[in-house]
Protein backbone atom coordinates (compact mmCIF):
# COMPACT_ATOMS: atom_id res chain seq x y z
CA MET A 1 84.33 139.06 98.86
CA HIS A 2 83.74 136.59 102.33
CA ALA A 3 84.56 132.97 102.95
CA ASN A 4 81.15 130.81 103.10
CA ALA A 5 80.56 127.64 105.20
CA ALA A 6 82.94 124.99 104.64
CA PRO A 7 82.20 123.53 100.98
CA ALA A 8 81.54 119.87 100.51
CA GLY A 9 84.99 117.96 98.97
CA TYR A 10 88.19 118.22 100.12
CA GLY A 11 90.28 120.88 100.96
CA PRO A 12 93.87 121.91 101.52
CA SER A 13 93.70 120.34 105.06
CA ASP A 14 92.66 117.01 104.03
CA LEU A 15 94.84 116.44 100.96
CA GLY A 16 97.70 117.40 103.25
CA SER A 17 96.53 115.08 106.26
CA ALA A 18 95.92 112.01 103.22
CA TYR A 19 99.25 112.68 101.51
CA ASN A 20 101.55 113.94 104.66
CA LEU A 21 103.01 117.12 103.25
CA PRO A 22 104.54 120.02 104.39
CA SER A 23 102.31 122.92 102.90
CA GLY A 24 103.16 125.20 105.41
CA THR A 25 106.41 125.23 105.35
CA ALA A 26 107.58 124.10 101.86
CA GLY A 27 107.36 125.50 98.36
CA ASP A 28 108.35 129.23 99.01
CA GLY A 29 109.53 130.68 95.69
CA GLN A 30 108.68 127.70 93.23
CA THR A 31 106.65 128.32 90.24
CA VAL A 32 103.86 125.86 88.80
CA ALA A 33 102.79 126.43 85.56
CA ILE A 34 99.00 124.98 84.51
CA VAL A 35 98.26 124.24 80.67
CA ASP A 36 95.13 124.72 79.78
CA ALA A 37 92.74 126.22 76.83
CA TYR A 38 91.01 128.85 76.54
CA ASP A 39 90.16 132.32 78.54
CA TYR A 40 89.45 132.38 81.91
CA PRO A 41 88.93 135.79 82.73
CA ASN A 42 87.49 135.69 86.28
CA ALA A 43 90.53 132.99 87.20
CA GLU A 44 92.39 135.56 89.62
CA GLU A 45 89.05 136.59 91.22
CA GLU A 46 87.66 132.94 92.23
CA LEU A 47 91.29 131.57 92.94
CA ALA A 48 91.25 134.18 95.90
CA ILE A 49 87.85 133.26 97.11
CA TYR A 50 89.29 129.68 97.39
CA ARG A 51 92.33 130.67 99.07
CA GLN A 52 90.60 132.97 101.37
CA GLN A 53 88.12 130.19 102.38
CA TYR A 54 90.45 127.84 103.55
CA GLY A 55 93.00 130.58 105.15
CA LEU A 56 95.85 130.24 102.20
CA PRO A 57 98.24 133.58 101.79
CA ALA A 58 96.97 135.74 98.86
CA CYS A 59 98.26 134.94 95.08
CA THR A 60 97.54 137.85 92.73
CA THR A 61 99.07 139.88 90.00
CA ALA A 62 99.69 142.56 92.89
CA ASN A 63 102.30 140.15 94.86
CA GLY A 64 103.47 138.68 92.21
CA CYS A 65 101.93 135.20 92.90
CA PHE A 66 99.50 135.00 90.06
CA ARG A 67 100.22 135.60 86.58
CA ARG A 68 97.70 134.99 83.35
CA VAL A 69 99.16 134.74 80.23
CA ASP A 70 98.60 133.47 76.48
CA GLN A 71 100.26 130.58 75.03
CA ARG A 72 103.01 133.47 73.62
CA GLY A 73 103.40 134.79 76.91
CA GLY A 74 101.17 137.90 76.18
CA THR A 75 97.82 139.02 77.26
CA ASP A 76 96.03 138.71 73.63
CA TYR A 77 93.59 135.95 75.61
CA PRO A 78 91.65 133.21 73.31
CA ALA A 79 87.82 133.09 73.72
CA PRO A 80 86.46 132.00 76.91
CA ASN A 81 84.88 128.67 77.13
CA SER A 82 82.65 127.70 79.82
CA SER A 83 83.71 123.84 80.24
CA TRP A 84 87.65 124.75 80.34
CA GLN A 85 86.70 127.47 83.01
CA HIS A 86 86.28 124.43 85.34
CA GLU A 87 89.33 122.65 83.88
CA GLU A 88 91.16 125.98 84.97
CA ALA A 89 89.92 127.15 88.29
CA LEU A 90 90.19 122.80 89.23
CA ASP A 91 93.99 123.42 88.31
CA LEU A 92 94.43 126.37 90.04
CA ASP A 93 92.79 124.98 93.37
CA MET A 94 94.52 122.36 93.62
CA VAL A 95 97.81 123.61 92.99
CA SER A 96 96.95 125.98 95.94
CA ALA A 97 95.73 123.65 98.35
CA VAL A 98 99.02 121.57 97.86
CA CYS A 99 101.44 124.18 97.56
CA PRO A 100 99.99 127.58 99.05
CA LYS A 101 103.70 129.15 99.14
CA CYS A 102 104.00 128.69 94.87
CA HIS A 103 103.83 130.87 92.16
CA ILE A 104 101.22 130.04 89.69
CA ILE A 105 101.15 130.68 86.12
CA LEU A 106 97.96 129.70 84.04
CA ILE A 107 98.71 129.69 80.20
CA GLU A 108 95.68 129.96 78.37
CA ALA A 109 96.54 127.88 74.76
CA ASP A 110 94.42 129.58 71.99
CA ASP A 111 92.41 125.82 71.61
CA PRO A 112 92.65 122.62 72.88
CA GLN A 113 94.29 121.21 69.23
CA VAL A 114 97.56 119.77 69.78
CA PRO A 115 100.31 122.81 67.82
CA ASN A 116 98.49 125.20 70.35
CA MET A 117 98.71 123.26 73.42
CA GLY A 118 102.38 122.20 72.73
CA ALA A 119 103.34 125.82 72.53
CA ALA A 120 101.72 126.76 75.81
CA VAL A 121 103.54 123.64 77.63
CA ASN A 122 107.03 125.47 75.74
CA GLN A 123 105.79 128.82 77.15
CA ALA A 124 105.51 127.76 80.37
CA VAL A 125 109.00 126.28 80.19
CA ALA A 126 110.42 129.97 78.58
CA LEU A 127 108.75 131.67 81.35
CA GLY A 128 110.74 129.61 84.15
CA ALA A 129 108.28 127.44 85.24
CA LYS A 130 109.88 124.14 86.87
CA PHE A 131 106.59 122.66 87.09
CA VAL A 132 104.00 121.93 84.28
CA SER A 133 100.88 120.49 85.13
CA ASN A 134 99.11 119.18 81.87
CA SER A 135 95.11 117.68 82.66
CA TYR A 136 94.03 116.89 79.02
CA GLY A 137 94.72 113.88 76.70
CA ALA A 138 93.68 112.12 73.57
CA ASP A 139 93.94 108.51 71.82
CA GLU A 140 97.46 107.68 70.70
CA ASP A 141 98.62 107.85 67.38
CA PRO A 142 101.98 107.41 65.70
CA SER A 143 102.61 110.86 65.48
CA GLU A 144 102.97 111.20 69.34
CA LEU A 145 106.43 110.24 68.75
CA GLU A 146 107.54 113.79 66.95
CA ILE A 147 105.39 115.81 69.34
CA ASP A 148 106.54 114.46 71.88
CA SER A 149 109.65 115.65 71.41
CA ALA A 150 108.51 118.87 70.03
CA TYR A 151 106.47 119.83 73.63
CA TYR A 152 107.23 117.51 76.67
CA ASP A 153 111.11 116.59 76.82
CA HIS A 154 112.27 119.43 78.82
CA PRO A 155 115.01 118.16 81.29
CA GLY A 156 114.79 119.33 84.35
CA VAL A 157 111.31 120.66 84.45
CA VAL A 158 108.55 118.37 86.18
CA MET A 159 105.50 117.84 83.51
CA THR A 160 102.89 116.17 85.09
CA VAL A 161 99.83 114.65 82.91
CA SER A 162 96.58 113.02 83.70
CA SER A 163 96.58 109.56 82.64
CA GLY A 164 92.59 110.08 81.42
CA ASP A 165 89.25 109.47 82.68
CA TYR A 166 87.75 106.55 80.53
CA GLY A 167 89.10 103.68 82.11
CA TYR A 168 91.62 100.94 80.88
CA GLY A 169 93.36 102.57 77.91
CA VAL A 170 96.18 104.81 77.17
CA GLU A 171 96.09 108.33 76.44
CA PHE A 172 98.85 110.81 75.21
CA PRO A 173 100.89 112.87 76.08
CA ALA A 174 100.51 110.55 79.40
CA SER A 175 102.43 107.83 77.45
CA SER A 176 105.10 109.92 76.96
CA PRO A 177 108.63 108.85 78.63
CA HIS A 178 109.50 112.20 79.59
CA VAL A 179 106.68 112.95 81.47
CA THR A 180 104.85 111.91 85.26
CA ALA A 181 101.57 109.73 84.42
CA VAL A 182 99.25 110.34 87.05
CA GLY A 183 96.71 108.13 87.79
CA GLY A 184 93.75 107.97 90.31
CA THR A 185 92.53 106.87 93.37
CA SER A 186 89.64 106.72 95.27
CA LEU A 187 90.30 108.00 98.75
CA GLN A 188 88.44 107.32 102.13
CA ARG A 189 89.14 108.24 105.65
CA ASP A 190 89.46 105.22 107.99
CA GLY A 191 90.51 103.98 111.69
CA SER A 192 94.24 103.47 110.02
CA THR A 193 97.04 104.70 111.29
CA ARG A 194 97.53 106.80 108.44
CA GLY A 195 93.64 107.72 108.85
CA TRP A 196 92.95 107.41 105.17
CA THR A 197 92.77 104.31 102.46
CA GLU A 198 93.37 104.25 98.55
CA SER A 199 92.05 101.93 95.93
CA ALA A 200 92.05 102.31 92.04
CA TRP A 201 89.91 104.78 90.55
CA ASN A 202 87.90 102.77 88.41
CA ARG A 203 88.08 105.39 85.96
CA ALA A 204 91.49 106.34 85.52
CA GLY A 205 93.21 105.76 82.43
CA SER A 206 95.88 103.21 82.37
CA GLY A 207 98.25 100.65 80.18
CA CYS A 208 100.25 100.00 77.78
CA SER A 209 101.35 102.69 75.17
CA ALA A 210 101.69 101.40 71.46
CA TYR A 211 104.08 103.39 70.53
CA GLU A 212 106.24 104.48 73.49
CA ALA A 213 109.52 102.90 73.97
CA LYS A 214 109.88 101.78 77.61
CA PRO A 215 112.06 103.93 79.54
CA ALA A 216 114.82 102.66 81.49
CA PHE A 217 113.57 103.39 84.76
CA GLN A 218 110.36 100.89 84.32
CA GLN A 219 110.65 97.53 85.24
CA ASP A 220 107.42 95.53 85.09
CA SER A 221 107.39 93.00 82.36
CA GLY A 222 103.99 92.63 81.11
CA CYS A 223 104.56 95.70 79.06
CA ALA A 224 107.16 96.31 76.66
CA ASN A 225 106.90 99.64 75.75
CA ARG A 226 106.01 102.48 78.25
CA THR A 227 103.21 101.43 81.08
CA VAL A 228 100.97 104.29 82.46
CA ALA A 229 100.68 105.39 85.30
CA ASP A 230 103.73 106.56 87.39
CA VAL A 231 102.26 107.48 90.43
CA SER A 232 98.55 108.89 91.49
CA ALA A 233 96.64 110.71 93.79
CA VAL A 234 92.76 111.21 94.40
CA ALA A 235 90.37 111.41 91.31
CA ASP A 236 87.18 109.72 92.13
CA LEU A 237 84.13 111.85 91.91
CA ASN A 238 82.64 109.94 94.71
CA THR A 239 85.44 110.76 96.75
CA PRO A 240 86.39 114.59 95.49
CA VAL A 241 87.63 118.08 95.76
CA ALA A 242 86.01 121.30 96.70
CA VAL A 243 86.73 123.99 93.74
CA TYR A 244 84.69 127.70 93.54
CA VAL A 245 84.06 128.14 90.06
CA GLN A 246 81.72 130.71 88.42
CA GLY A 247 80.32 132.17 91.20
CA GLY A 248 79.79 129.08 93.34
CA TRP A 249 81.39 125.91 95.17
CA VAL A 250 81.55 122.67 93.38
CA VAL A 251 82.67 119.39 93.67
CA MET A 252 85.37 118.09 91.23
CA GLY A 253 86.80 115.07 90.40
CA GLY A 254 89.11 113.08 87.48
CA THR A 255 92.77 112.84 87.16
CA SER A 256 92.41 116.31 86.27
CA VAL A 257 92.57 116.38 89.98
CA SER A 258 95.38 114.29 90.63
CA SER A 259 98.31 115.93 87.99
CA PRO A 260 98.18 119.34 89.77
CA ILE A 261 97.73 117.91 92.92
CA ILE A 262 101.38 115.66 92.12
CA ALA A 263 102.77 119.13 90.45
CA GLY A 264 102.24 120.69 93.91
CA VAL A 265 104.07 118.12 95.63
CA TYR A 266 107.18 118.04 93.50
CA ALA A 267 107.36 122.04 93.89
CA LEU A 268 107.04 121.44 97.51
CA ALA A 269 110.46 118.98 97.06
CA GLY A 270 111.94 121.54 95.15
CA ALA A 271 113.59 122.38 92.07
CA PRO A 272 114.72 119.17 90.17
CA ARG A 273 118.35 118.97 89.08
CA GLU A 274 119.10 121.06 85.77
CA GLY A 275 119.28 117.96 83.03
CA SER A 276 117.23 115.64 85.14
CA TYR A 277 113.96 113.66 84.34
CA PRO A 278 112.00 113.75 87.45
CA ASN A 279 109.77 110.95 86.36
CA THR A 280 112.12 108.86 87.22
CA PHE A 281 112.65 110.40 90.69
CA PRO A 282 109.65 107.92 92.63
CA TYR A 283 111.24 105.07 90.77
CA LYS A 284 114.42 105.40 92.94
CA ASP A 285 112.91 104.56 95.94
CA SER A 286 109.18 103.76 96.02
CA ARG A 287 108.89 102.76 99.74
CA ALA A 288 108.45 106.64 100.18
CA LEU A 289 104.86 106.40 98.49
CA ASN A 290 101.25 104.92 99.96
CA ASP A 291 101.07 101.53 98.21
CA VAL A 292 97.51 101.34 96.71
CA SER A 293 95.52 98.18 96.18
CA GLY A 294 92.20 97.12 95.54
CA GLY A 295 89.92 98.53 92.59
CA ALA A 296 90.03 98.33 88.80
CA ASN A 297 89.36 100.05 85.86
CA GLY A 298 88.44 97.32 83.29
CA GLN A 299 89.86 93.82 82.34
CA CYS A 300 92.88 93.25 80.66
CA THR A 301 95.93 90.64 80.86
CA PRO A 302 98.38 90.98 82.83
CA ALA A 303 96.15 92.20 85.25
CA TYR A 304 98.46 94.29 86.93
CA LEU A 305 97.81 96.97 84.07
CA CYS A 306 94.15 97.71 85.29
CA GLN A 307 94.05 96.13 88.54
CA GLY A 308 95.27 98.21 91.78
CA GLY A 309 97.56 95.91 93.71
CA ALA A 310 100.98 95.35 96.06
CA GLY A 311 104.05 97.15 94.19
CA TYR A 312 103.56 98.87 90.87
CA ASP A 313 99.98 98.76 88.88
CA GLY A 314 98.54 100.63 85.97
CA PRO A 315 95.69 102.52 87.51
CA THR A 316 97.81 103.60 90.46
CA GLY A 317 101.36 103.58 89.06
CA LEU A 318 104.06 103.06 92.65
CA GLY A 319 101.11 104.52 94.48
CA SER A 320 100.46 108.25 95.93
CA PRO A 321 102.58 110.61 97.98
CA ASN A 322 103.36 109.79 101.29
CA GLY A 323 105.51 113.05 101.65
CA ILE A 324 108.33 114.41 99.56
CA ALA A 325 110.90 112.18 99.49
CA ALA A 326 109.77 110.16 96.78
CA PHE A 327 109.70 113.42 94.24
CA THR A 328 113.49 114.73 94.80
CA ALA A 329 115.96 113.11 93.12
CA GLY A 330 118.08 112.29 95.85
CA ALA A 331 121.74 111.53 95.77
CA THR A 332 122.35 111.45 92.20
CA GLY A 333 125.18 112.20 89.58
CA SER A 334 125.99 112.17 86.17
CA VAL A 335 127.35 109.88 83.44
CA THR A 336 128.82 111.67 79.83
CA GLY A 337 130.74 110.67 77.10
CA THR A 338 131.20 110.08 73.31
CA VAL A 339 131.23 106.59 71.52
CA THR A 340 133.62 106.37 68.90
CA ASP A 341 134.34 103.68 66.70
CA SER A 342 138.18 102.62 66.14
CA THR A 343 138.78 105.13 63.72
CA GLY A 344 137.83 107.98 66.35
CA LYS A 345 134.78 108.83 64.30
CA ALA A 346 131.34 109.49 66.34
CA LEU A 347 129.00 106.71 66.33
CA PRO A 348 125.49 107.93 66.99
CA GLY A 349 122.88 105.68 67.93
CA ALA A 350 124.85 103.50 70.29
CA GLN A 351 123.40 102.44 73.49
CA VAL A 352 125.33 103.39 76.40
CA LYS A 353 124.00 101.34 80.21
CA VAL A 354 124.80 102.49 83.17
CA GLY A 355 123.66 100.03 85.79
CA ASP A 356 119.91 99.41 84.88
CA LEU A 357 119.62 102.83 83.21
CA SER A 358 120.48 103.50 79.35
CA ALA A 359 120.60 106.10 76.74
CA ASN A 360 121.33 106.01 73.04
CA SER A 361 124.46 108.37 71.91
CA ASP A 362 123.46 111.49 69.99
CA SER A 363 124.85 112.18 66.18
CA ALA A 364 128.14 113.72 67.65
CA GLY A 365 127.98 110.31 69.83
CA HIS A 366 127.89 112.46 72.96
CA PHE A 367 125.36 110.51 75.74
CA THR A 368 124.62 111.86 79.42
CA LEU A 369 122.75 109.69 81.98
CA ASP A 370 121.79 110.69 85.24
CA VAL A 371 122.09 108.08 87.76
CA PRO A 372 121.54 107.42 91.64
CA ALA A 373 125.13 108.13 93.38
CA GLY A 374 126.69 104.59 93.74
CA VAL A 375 129.64 102.36 91.32
CA TYR A 376 128.75 100.84 88.20
CA SER A 377 129.52 98.71 85.14
CA ALA A 378 128.88 100.61 82.18
CA THR A 379 128.59 99.45 78.44
CA ALA A 380 128.51 101.04 75.29
CA SER A 381 127.20 98.62 72.18
CA LYS A 382 125.66 98.84 68.83
CA PHE A 383 124.92 96.25 66.30
CA GLY A 384 127.96 95.44 63.89
CA TYR A 385 130.59 96.64 66.45
CA GLN A 386 132.11 95.06 69.21
CA ALA A 387 130.47 95.97 72.84
CA ALA A 388 133.11 98.16 75.51
CA SER A 389 132.85 97.91 78.71
CA VAL A 390 134.21 99.48 81.61
CA ASP A 391 134.38 98.55 85.87
CA GLY A 392 133.65 100.36 88.71
CA VAL A 393 132.18 104.09 87.39
CA ALA A 394 132.18 105.75 90.98
CA VAL A 395 129.23 108.62 90.74
CA GLY A 396 128.67 110.84 93.51
CA ASP A 397 126.29 112.74 94.55
CA GLY A 398 126.29 116.23 92.30
CA GLN A 399 129.17 114.60 90.49
CA THR A 400 129.45 114.05 86.94
CA VAL A 401 131.72 111.42 85.45
CA THR A 402 133.34 110.85 81.83
CA GLU A 403 133.82 107.82 80.44
CA ASN A 404 134.33 107.53 76.27
CA PHE A 405 133.94 104.51 74.77
CA CYS A 406 135.61 103.40 71.82
């Protein structure tokens, strides 16, 4: 095994430069899980060649860095599949490029059907991964609401999902309000201070979900439901990344590139706080991202859902990483409590708003909301009941504040 001449396509140093990443110093001890289908028997050996080529530290089963399991967490691996091996190699290489100090778990689902991919996601969380990359998707369907709650709602865990590679249009699970939907860009060197320029990739998925409710952290006005994407990274096959697979170097593109990149960036930023939803983090201060303008992935109304522009847009979301600040919780606390009626009976399904964020009370009337540190007005409301409000709710960093409503 030996290092070859520099292969075509962007490598770790290019991505680190483009996205201002502390790849050489951060991420130690974090574990990123990659969910794919079918077996990749040579995964560890070919990952070693990629990492040796770029001078990255070894990541092996022997040193505890690499682990490959089936969807049940064991070694009863599924049948191999040549096409999926390209996907698996790409995911492994991109996590390595961005977060070379991270541990990696490759979880191989029996096949790409929803129950098995979902079981692999849940297994990733069960094995302790705080960062899970998912480079797959399918057309939306009403059943996704149930699937979402069964497999993709994992507080305290980063879930990154590719937005799709077919242009304007929404796929699931990128449409889940519990995941970070990752769009795609075209990334090129230029003479700017940054040294790079980006525009929306013309094949990145984006748009307005047909079924998923709009999460409180999204404020765009042209989509009443969940909007895709949240953030983005390089995906254009014309500005590709280098990957080692099946005995040779290839160049690859697609949002299958950008999802593991963003999972790695989150890992560089550190494990999210228990109970938090890390897809909200970039929305707390989008100034810590590279705003991506220009390019389009189709035609739509309103135009921002399919065209790169100033501020938020569908194909690139809030933008691409500029360091890791946008991928941390920042100063964050929680507001928790119970909503009851005038007799003291628990009131499920009440909407509790703390500032601009909201949550619904569960069957026992309980609610919990993670919010940036600050002072808020809080309100609980439900149709047929008089709303209850309280002002001056002060939430400090790491603090849990209890506010009950009746």
